[in-house]
């Protein structure tokens, strides 16, 4: 029997946070279960990370920020792992450069599995000790759970990037053979509120620090599309010369189009006049009725301009959800670009110490996305969530909704 399972408190004695910690740690292993050892160690590109690294880094997070400072008598599992599996925490010392994580053939996948088992056993000790009643410990565990859930989505995006680079085009999971989605209804333009509104997390329940403070914004007259842009609509954009018309593009976007020869969303291929794309189920025909996916901010902005519209601001998007407007596909389909730069909210103050490096230092040169994708873990979506990526990045499950 797995030692972590045996030492974990019985279900009837677990707190909700303890139960979520255990479930989250198990889910990471479940997501990696379809992979071979070779799959877990490779790195598709600089932005991606090997599955083995994701499993180890999320474990390092709990060891570094929970067990070492708070579990009496705890000693580092292997001090060398600190260099291997730190991500970007400057206060925690030097680290393996991100583009070279795929070179970490050692520690092996088996050793990383042993590392996870050990840390899970020590977390079980912490649960048994009653120390989770301490507010700071509970806060860090909750942050660690949400941090691991972020990496679960990254794990899937990075697997797709890896398998898309493989000439065999392997499938990560079996294809869903259900009925194809019906054509979506025509877009309805939902009138958003005008005037002063409040956005940002209200403090009830968990949020990342970049979701607050709650503050006032002014909304000019606007309308938001009630659904996402589909692949069929994107094909119309391509057929109309969208990738060949410089006047539709921001200057940096057009530079990417020409330098990297973008002609379609990432993973799309034209085979005998028909579009297919690489998915977690392997190569599939592009579903014309599904939301377009794996596009950059530059592409989303160019499409919006071609369509005679624009991208919503994050305040417009959040206000529409909060007001109960009938926004279809707000969550669980693809992340949705906004025209908003990723900057701090008024009054934002990063946390002190290493955990203050989590979000604040990235608030420059990136764009905010809202909602969630089909790969976002359950219970990890909320109206105030601020995802963010650089405007050229395309390997995430990203799409768009229009505004006017």
Protein backbone atom coordinates (compact mmCIF):
# COMPACT_ATOMS: atom_id res chain seq x y z
CA UNK A 1 0.00 0.00 0.00
CA UNK A 2 1.21 3.49 -0.80
CA UNK A 3 2.71 4.94 2.38
CA UNK A 4 1.11 8.34 1.83
CA UNK A 5 -2.35 6.78 1.65
CA UNK A 6 -1.79 4.66 4.75
CA UNK A 7 -0.58 7.55 6.88
CA UNK A 8 -3.22 10.04 5.76
CA UNK A 9 -6.04 10.72 8.24
CA UNK A 10 -9.30 8.89 7.58
CA UNK A 11 -11.73 10.79 5.35
CA UNK A 12 -14.10 11.59 8.19
CA UNK A 13 -11.32 13.32 10.14
CA UNK A 14 -9.85 15.40 7.31
CA UNK A 15 -10.39 19.11 7.11
CA UNK A 16 -11.50 20.40 3.69
CA UNK A 17 -8.02 21.85 3.12
CA UNK A 18 -6.31 18.57 4.06
CA UNK A 19 -8.62 16.63 1.76
CA UNK A 20 -7.91 19.02 -1.09
CA UNK A 21 -4.16 18.77 -0.49
CA UNK A 22 -4.29 14.99 -0.72
CA UNK A 23 -6.54 15.01 -3.80
CA UNK A 24 -4.36 17.56 -5.56
CA UNK A 25 -1.17 15.61 -4.93
CA UNK A 26 -2.81 12.47 -6.29
CA UNK A 27 -4.19 14.23 -9.35
CA UNK A 28 -0.70 15.24 -10.48
CA UNK A 29 0.31 11.59 -10.48
CA UNK A 30 -2.88 10.63 -12.30
CA UNK A 31 -2.13 13.17 -15.03
CA UNK A 32 1.35 11.76 -15.51
CA UNK A 33 0.20 8.12 -15.47
CA UNK A 34 -0.30 7.78 -19.28
CA UNK A 35 3.32 8.79 -19.92
CA UNK A 36 6.41 6.69 -20.34
CA UNK A 37 9.66 7.54 -18.60
CA UNK A 38 11.02 9.03 -21.82
CA UNK A 39 7.97 11.28 -22.15
CA UNK A 40 8.42 12.61 -18.63
CA UNK A 41 12.01 13.75 -19.11
CA UNK A 42 11.91 15.64 -22.42
CA UNK A 43 11.42 19.37 -22.90
CA UNK A 44 9.75 20.59 -26.08
CA UNK A 45 10.88 24.23 -25.99
CA UNK A 46 12.20 26.94 -23.70
CA UNK A 47 8.73 27.92 -22.41
CA UNK A 48 7.78 24.35 -21.52
CA UNK A 49 9.07 22.03 -18.79
CA UNK A 50 9.34 18.25 -18.55
CA UNK A 51 6.59 16.43 -16.66
CA UNK A 52 9.22 15.09 -14.27
CA UNK A 53 10.25 18.64 -13.44
CA UNK A 54 6.64 19.72 -12.77
CA UNK A 55 6.19 16.79 -10.37
CA UNK A 56 9.43 17.64 -8.59
CA UNK A 57 8.98 21.42 -8.51
CA UNK A 58 5.54 21.27 -6.89
CA UNK A 59 7.04 18.92 -4.32
CA UNK A 60 9.97 21.29 -3.74
CA UNK A 61 7.43 24.07 -3.10
CA UNK A 62 5.84 22.19 -0.18
CA UNK A 63 9.23 21.14 1.17
CA UNK A 64 10.70 24.65 0.98
CA UNK A 65 7.79 26.78 2.13
CA UNK A 66 5.89 24.43 4.46
CA UNK A 67 7.93 21.53 5.82
CA UNK A 68 11.34 23.10 6.34
CA UNK A 69 10.07 26.14 8.27
CA UNK A 70 7.24 24.48 10.19
CA UNK A 71 7.60 20.71 10.69
CA UNK A 72 9.75 20.09 13.78
CA UNK A 73 12.84 18.04 13.04
CA UNK A 74 12.37 18.07 9.28
CA UNK A 75 15.60 17.83 7.24
CA UNK A 76 15.99 18.44 3.53
CA UNK A 77 15.37 15.33 1.45
CA UNK A 78 18.33 16.10 -0.83
CA UNK A 79 19.92 19.58 -0.77
CA UNK A 80 20.93 19.18 -4.42
CA UNK A 81 17.27 19.17 -5.44
CA UNK A 82 17.02 22.83 -4.45
CA UNK A 83 19.13 23.79 -7.45
CA UNK A 84 17.33 21.39 -9.78
CA UNK A 85 13.73 22.25 -8.95
CA UNK A 86 13.59 25.89 -7.89
CA UNK A 87 11.73 27.82 -10.60
CA UNK A 88 12.28 31.58 -10.28
CA UNK A 89 12.60 32.29 -6.54
CA UNK A 90 15.75 34.39 -6.40
CA UNK A 91 15.63 34.41 -2.60
CA UNK A 92 15.99 30.61 -2.63
CA UNK A 93 19.28 30.62 -4.50
CA UNK A 94 20.61 29.57 -7.88
CA UNK A 95 18.65 27.20 -10.11
CA UNK A 96 18.80 25.19 -13.30
CA UNK A 97 18.07 27.58 -16.21
CA UNK A 98 14.54 27.10 -17.49
CA UNK A 99 15.54 26.34 -21.10
CA UNK A 100 17.81 23.55 -19.83
CA UNK A 101 15.41 21.66 -17.56
CA UNK A 102 15.23 18.88 -20.14
CA UNK A 103 18.91 18.13 -19.50
CA UNK A 104 18.13 17.00 -15.96
CA UNK A 105 18.25 13.29 -16.73
CA UNK A 106 19.26 12.91 -13.10
CA UNK A 107 17.60 12.71 -10.68
CA UNK A 108 15.68 10.03 -12.51
CA UNK A 109 11.91 9.82 -12.77
CA UNK A 110 12.05 7.03 -10.20
CA UNK A 111 14.02 9.23 -7.81
CA UNK A 112 11.52 12.05 -8.29
CA UNK A 113 8.72 9.60 -7.47
CA UNK A 114 10.58 8.73 -4.27
CA UNK A 115 10.94 12.42 -3.48
CA UNK A 116 7.19 12.96 -3.88
CA UNK A 117 6.42 9.96 -1.67
CA UNK A 118 8.73 11.23 1.05
CA UNK A 119 7.28 14.74 1.01
CA UNK A 120 3.72 13.37 1.01
CA UNK A 121 4.59 11.28 4.08
CA UNK A 122 5.94 14.37 5.82
CA UNK A 123 2.85 16.35 4.86
CA UNK A 124 0.79 13.54 6.39
CA UNK A 125 2.81 13.98 9.58
CA UNK A 126 1.96 17.65 9.48
CA UNK A 127 -1.72 16.83 9.08
CA UNK A 128 -1.57 14.42 12.04
CA UNK A 129 0.25 16.95 14.23
CA UNK A 130 -2.54 19.52 14.32
CA UNK A 131 -0.16 22.20 13.07
CA UNK A 132 -2.49 22.95 10.17
CA UNK A 133 -4.56 24.91 12.66
CA UNK A 134 -1.82 27.55 12.56
CA UNK A 135 -3.04 30.28 10.16
CA UNK A 136 0.30 30.79 8.41
CA UNK A 137 0.79 27.07 7.82
CA UNK A 138 -2.74 26.71 6.48
CA UNK A 139 -2.21 29.75 4.25
CA UNK A 140 0.94 28.28 2.75
CA UNK A 141 -0.62 24.86 2.21
CA UNK A 142 -3.57 26.45 0.45
CA UNK A 143 -1.22 28.46 -1.74
CA UNK A 144 0.76 25.29 -2.46
CA UNK A 145 -2.40 23.48 -3.52
CA UNK A 146 -3.36 26.24 -5.95
CA UNK A 147 0.24 26.42 -7.16
CA UNK A 148 0.20 22.69 -7.93
CA UNK A 149 -3.12 23.06 -9.75
CA UNK A 150 -1.51 25.70 -11.96
CA UNK A 151 1.26 23.24 -12.77
CA UNK A 152 -1.27 20.54 -13.57
CA UNK A 153 -2.55 22.68 -16.42
CA UNK A 154 1.00 23.52 -17.47
CA UNK A 155 1.81 19.82 -17.41
CA UNK A 156 -0.90 19.21 -20.03
CA UNK A 157 0.08 22.15 -22.24
CA UNK A 158 3.71 21.03 -22.10
CA UNK A 159 2.82 17.41 -22.94
CA UNK A 160 0.90 18.65 -25.98
CA UNK A 161 3.89 20.74 -27.06
CA UNK A 162 6.13 17.69 -26.69
CA UNK A 163 3.86 15.28 -28.56
CA UNK A 164 3.23 17.84 -31.31
CA UNK A 165 6.98 17.93 -31.92
CA UNK A 166 7.08 14.14 -32.29
CA UNK A 167 6.72 12.89 -35.89
CA UNK A 168 4.56 9.99 -34.64
CA UNK A 169 2.00 12.50 -33.29
CA UNK A 170 1.21 10.31 -30.27
CA UNK A 171 -2.02 10.73 -28.35
CA UNK A 172 -1.85 11.48 -24.64
CA UNK A 173 -5.36 10.14 -24.08
CA UNK A 174 -8.11 8.35 -25.98
CA UNK A 175 -10.28 10.47 -28.23
CA UNK A 176 -13.79 11.35 -27.22
CA UNK A 177 -16.01 9.72 -29.83
CA UNK A 178 -19.13 11.60 -28.80
CA UNK A 179 -21.30 13.58 -31.16
CA UNK A 180 -19.65 16.68 -32.65
CA UNK A 181 -20.76 20.00 -31.27
CA UNK A 182 -23.67 21.60 -33.15
CA UNK A 183 -23.14 24.95 -34.88
CA UNK A 184 -23.21 27.72 -32.29
CA UNK A 185 -25.91 30.33 -32.34
CA UNK A 186 -25.07 33.67 -33.88
CA UNK A 187 -23.18 36.04 -31.64
CA UNK A 188 -25.31 38.21 -29.39
CA UNK A 189 -23.85 41.50 -28.19
CA UNK A 190 -24.50 41.95 -24.48
CA UNK A 191 -24.58 45.52 -23.26
CA UNK A 192 -22.26 46.00 -20.33
CA UNK A 193 -22.80 48.39 -17.47
CA UNK A 194 -21.64 51.97 -17.86
CA UNK A 195 -20.13 54.02 -15.08
CA UNK A 196 -18.28 53.15 -11.88
CA UNK A 197 -17.89 49.46 -11.08
CA UNK A 198 -15.79 47.42 -8.66
CA UNK A 199 -13.51 44.57 -9.68
CA UNK A 200 -11.01 42.41 -7.86
CA UNK A 201 -11.35 39.76 -5.19
CA UNK A 202 -13.52 40.65 -2.20
CA UNK A 203 -11.48 38.62 0.29
CA UNK A 204 -13.95 35.74 0.71
CA UNK A 205 -12.08 32.51 0.04
CA UNK A 206 -8.73 31.98 -1.64
CA UNK A 207 -7.22 34.26 -4.24
CA UNK A 208 -3.75 34.98 -5.54
CA UNK A 209 -2.32 38.30 -4.45
CA UNK A 210 -2.59 39.76 -7.95
CA UNK A 211 -6.42 39.49 -7.80
CA UNK A 212 -6.69 42.34 -5.30
CA UNK A 213 -7.22 44.77 -3.80
CA UNK A 214 -10.82 45.26 -4.87
CA UNK A 215 -11.08 48.69 -6.41
CA UNK A 216 -13.23 50.99 -8.53
CA UNK A 217 -12.97 51.32 -12.29
CA UNK A 218 -14.90 53.37 -14.80
CA UNK A 219 -16.58 51.54 -17.67
CA UNK A 220 -17.37 53.40 -20.86
CA UNK A 221 -20.32 52.23 -22.96
CA UNK A 222 -19.48 48.80 -24.38
CA UNK A 223 -20.85 45.44 -25.46
CA UNK A 224 -19.33 41.97 -25.04
CA UNK A 225 -19.90 38.98 -27.32
CA UNK A 226 -21.90 36.26 -25.59
CA UNK A 227 -19.68 33.46 -26.96
CA UNK A 228 -16.13 32.72 -28.02
CA UNK A 229 -14.71 32.99 -31.54
CA UNK A 230 -14.91 29.63 -33.33
CA UNK A 231 -12.44 27.84 -35.55
CA UNK A 232 -14.74 28.37 -38.54
CA UNK A 233 -14.61 32.11 -37.96
CA UNK A 234 -10.84 31.89 -37.66
CA UNK A 235 -10.63 30.03 -40.97
CA UNK A 236 -12.62 32.85 -42.57
CA UNK A 237 -10.02 35.27 -41.19
CA UNK A 238 -7.22 33.19 -42.71
CA UNK A 239 -9.01 32.80 -46.05
CA UNK A 240 -9.42 36.57 -46.20
CA UNK A 241 -5.66 37.07 -45.90
CA UNK A 242 -5.57 37.74 -42.18
CA UNK A 243 -2.00 36.50 -41.82
CA UNK A 244 -0.90 38.41 -44.91
CA UNK A 245 -2.36 41.86 -44.15
CA UNK A 246 0.11 43.96 -42.14
CA UNK A 247 -2.42 46.71 -41.41
CA UNK A 248 -4.31 44.31 -39.12
CA UNK A 249 -1.33 43.70 -36.88
CA UNK A 250 0.55 45.44 -34.12
CA UNK A 251 4.14 46.07 -35.17
CA UNK A 252 5.60 43.44 -32.83
CA UNK A 253 2.94 40.99 -33.95
CA UNK A 254 3.69 41.50 -37.63
CA UNK A 255 7.38 40.99 -36.88
CA UNK A 256 6.49 37.59 -35.38
CA UNK A 257 4.26 36.69 -38.31
CA UNK A 258 7.05 37.35 -40.79
CA UNK A 259 9.97 35.99 -38.76
CA UNK A 260 8.24 32.78 -37.68
CA UNK A 261 6.00 32.42 -40.75
CA UNK A 262 2.75 32.17 -38.86
CA UNK A 263 -0.08 31.16 -41.17
CA UNK A 264 -2.51 29.54 -38.71
CA UNK A 265 -2.88 28.86 -34.99
CA UNK A 266 -0.21 26.75 -33.34
CA UNK A 267 -0.50 23.00 -34.08
CA UNK A 268 -2.74 23.54 -37.16
CA UNK A 269 -1.80 21.77 -40.41
CA UNK A 270 -3.42 21.98 -43.82
CA UNK A 271 -3.76 18.55 -45.39
CA UNK A 272 -5.15 18.49 -48.94
CA UNK A 273 -7.11 21.66 -48.32
CA UNK A 274 -8.56 20.59 -44.95
CA UNK A 275 -7.37 21.76 -41.56
CA UNK A 276 -6.31 19.37 -38.82
CA UNK A 277 -4.52 20.10 -35.58
CA UNK A 278 -2.58 18.35 -32.85
CA UNK A 279 -4.53 17.80 -29.64
CA UNK A 280 -4.11 15.75 -26.49
CA UNK A 281 -6.02 13.05 -28.42
CA UNK A 282 -3.50 13.17 -31.28
CA UNK A 283 -4.11 14.64 -34.73
CA UNK A 284 -7.76 15.54 -35.22
CA UNK A 285 -9.78 17.40 -37.80
CA UNK A 286 -10.35 20.97 -36.72
CA UNK A 287 -13.87 21.24 -35.31
CA UNK A 288 -15.28 24.34 -36.99
CA UNK A 289 -17.76 24.88 -34.16
CA UNK A 290 -15.25 24.65 -31.30
CA UNK A 291 -13.53 27.74 -29.89
CA UNK A 292 -10.29 28.52 -31.66
CA UNK A 293 -7.31 27.65 -29.46
CA UNK A 294 -3.52 28.04 -29.21
CA UNK A 295 -3.30 31.60 -30.45
CA UNK A 296 -1.19 34.51 -29.29
CA UNK A 297 -2.35 37.91 -28.12
CA UNK A 298 -1.02 39.33 -31.38
CA UNK A 299 -3.28 36.99 -33.35
CA UNK A 300 -6.30 37.66 -31.14
CA UNK A 301 -5.82 41.41 -31.55
CA UNK A 302 -5.45 41.12 -35.34
CA UNK A 303 -8.60 38.98 -35.61
CA UNK A 304 -10.58 41.46 -33.52
CA UNK A 305 -9.50 44.30 -35.78
CA UNK A 306 -10.43 42.26 -38.89
CA UNK A 307 -13.86 41.57 -37.35
CA UNK A 308 -14.50 45.27 -36.73
CA UNK A 309 -14.32 44.77 -32.98
CA UNK A 310 -11.72 44.67 -30.23
CA UNK A 311 -10.77 42.58 -27.23
CA UNK A 312 -12.57 43.32 -23.94
CA UNK A 313 -10.73 44.89 -21.06
CA UNK A 314 -10.39 42.70 -18.01
CA UNK A 315 -12.71 45.07 -16.14
CA UNK A 316 -15.38 44.64 -18.83
CA UNK A 317 -14.99 40.85 -18.76
CA UNK A 318 -15.16 40.57 -14.97
CA UNK A 319 -18.05 43.01 -14.70
CA UNK A 320 -20.03 41.05 -17.30
CA UNK A 321 -19.57 37.82 -15.34
CA UNK A 322 -20.34 39.50 -12.00
CA UNK A 323 -23.49 41.10 -13.41
CA UNK A 324 -24.80 37.72 -14.52
CA UNK A 325 -24.81 38.51 -18.22
CA UNK A 326 -25.42 35.31 -20.18
CA UNK A 327 -21.81 34.84 -21.23
CA UNK A 328 -21.48 31.43 -22.82
CA UNK A 329 -18.15 29.59 -22.35
CA UNK A 330 -16.92 32.01 -19.71
CA UNK A 331 -15.15 29.09 -18.03
CA UNK A 332 -13.90 25.66 -19.02
CA UNK A 333 -13.28 26.13 -22.75
CA UNK A 334 -10.22 28.32 -23.42
CA UNK A 335 -8.54 31.21 -21.63
CA UNK A 336 -9.70 34.50 -23.11
CA UNK A 337 -7.40 37.35 -24.01
CA UNK A 338 -8.16 40.84 -22.84
CA UNK A 339 -6.69 44.09 -24.07
CA UNK A 340 -5.45 44.80 -20.53
CA UNK A 341 -1.77 44.84 -19.71
CA UNK A 342 -0.76 42.81 -16.66
CA UNK A 343 -0.07 45.53 -14.13
CA UNK A 344 -0.75 45.85 -10.39
CA UNK A 345 -4.12 46.95 -9.15
CA UNK A 346 -4.20 50.23 -7.17
CA UNK A 347 -2.88 49.52 -3.69
CA UNK A 348 -1.28 46.19 -4.57
CA UNK A 349 1.54 45.23 -2.21
CA UNK A 350 3.39 41.94 -2.75
CA UNK A 351 3.81 39.66 0.23
CA UNK A 352 7.02 39.86 2.19
CA UNK A 353 9.75 37.28 1.69
CA UNK A 354 10.11 34.61 -0.97
CA UNK A 355 6.37 34.15 -1.53
CA UNK A 356 6.21 37.79 -2.58
CA UNK A 357 8.02 36.73 -5.74
CA UNK A 358 5.02 34.68 -6.85
CA UNK A 359 3.24 37.26 -9.04
CA UNK A 360 4.33 40.83 -8.51
CA UNK A 361 7.67 40.76 -10.26
CA UNK A 362 6.06 39.60 -13.52
CA UNK A 363 3.80 42.64 -13.85
CA UNK A 364 5.32 44.00 -17.05
CA UNK A 365 5.10 43.29 -20.80
CA UNK A 366 2.38 40.66 -20.46
CA UNK A 367 -1.35 40.50 -21.21
CA UNK A 368 -4.16 39.41 -18.89
CA UNK A 369 -6.36 36.45 -19.78
CA UNK A 370 -9.63 35.65 -18.03
CA UNK A 371 -11.85 32.62 -17.49
CA UNK A 372 -10.30 29.14 -17.60
CA UNK A 373 -9.66 26.33 -20.09
CA UNK A 374 -10.75 22.72 -20.44
CA UNK A 375 -7.44 21.77 -18.81
CA UNK A 376 -7.90 23.98 -15.74
CA UNK A 377 -8.38 21.77 -12.65
CA UNK A 378 -11.80 21.66 -11.02
CA UNK A 379 -12.40 24.37 -8.41
CA UNK A 380 -9.57 26.47 -9.86
CA UNK A 381 -11.75 28.94 -11.79
CA UNK A 382 -13.24 32.20 -10.56
CA UNK A 383 -14.30 35.51 -12.02
CA UNK A 384 -11.36 37.46 -10.54
CA UNK A 385 -8.56 35.09 -11.69
CA UNK A 386 -5.86 36.94 -13.64
CA UNK A 387 -3.84 34.65 -15.89
CA UNK A 388 -1.03 36.27 -17.84
CA UNK A 389 1.29 35.49 -20.73
CA UNK A 390 3.65 37.31 -23.05
CA UNK A 391 1.87 38.50 -26.20
CA UNK A 392 3.76 36.14 -28.56
CA UNK A 393 3.14 32.91 -26.62
CA UNK A 394 0.81 30.35 -28.21
CA UNK A 395 1.32 27.00 -26.48
CA UNK A 396 -1.30 27.61 -23.81
CA UNK A 397 -4.99 26.84 -24.31
CA UNK A 398 -5.86 30.41 -25.28
CA UNK A 399 -8.67 31.86 -27.39
CA UNK A 400 -10.75 35.04 -27.52
CA UNK A 401 -14.07 36.75 -27.04
CA UNK A 402 -14.84 39.99 -28.83
CA UNK A 403 -16.06 43.33 -27.52
CA UNK A 404 -17.16 46.63 -29.03
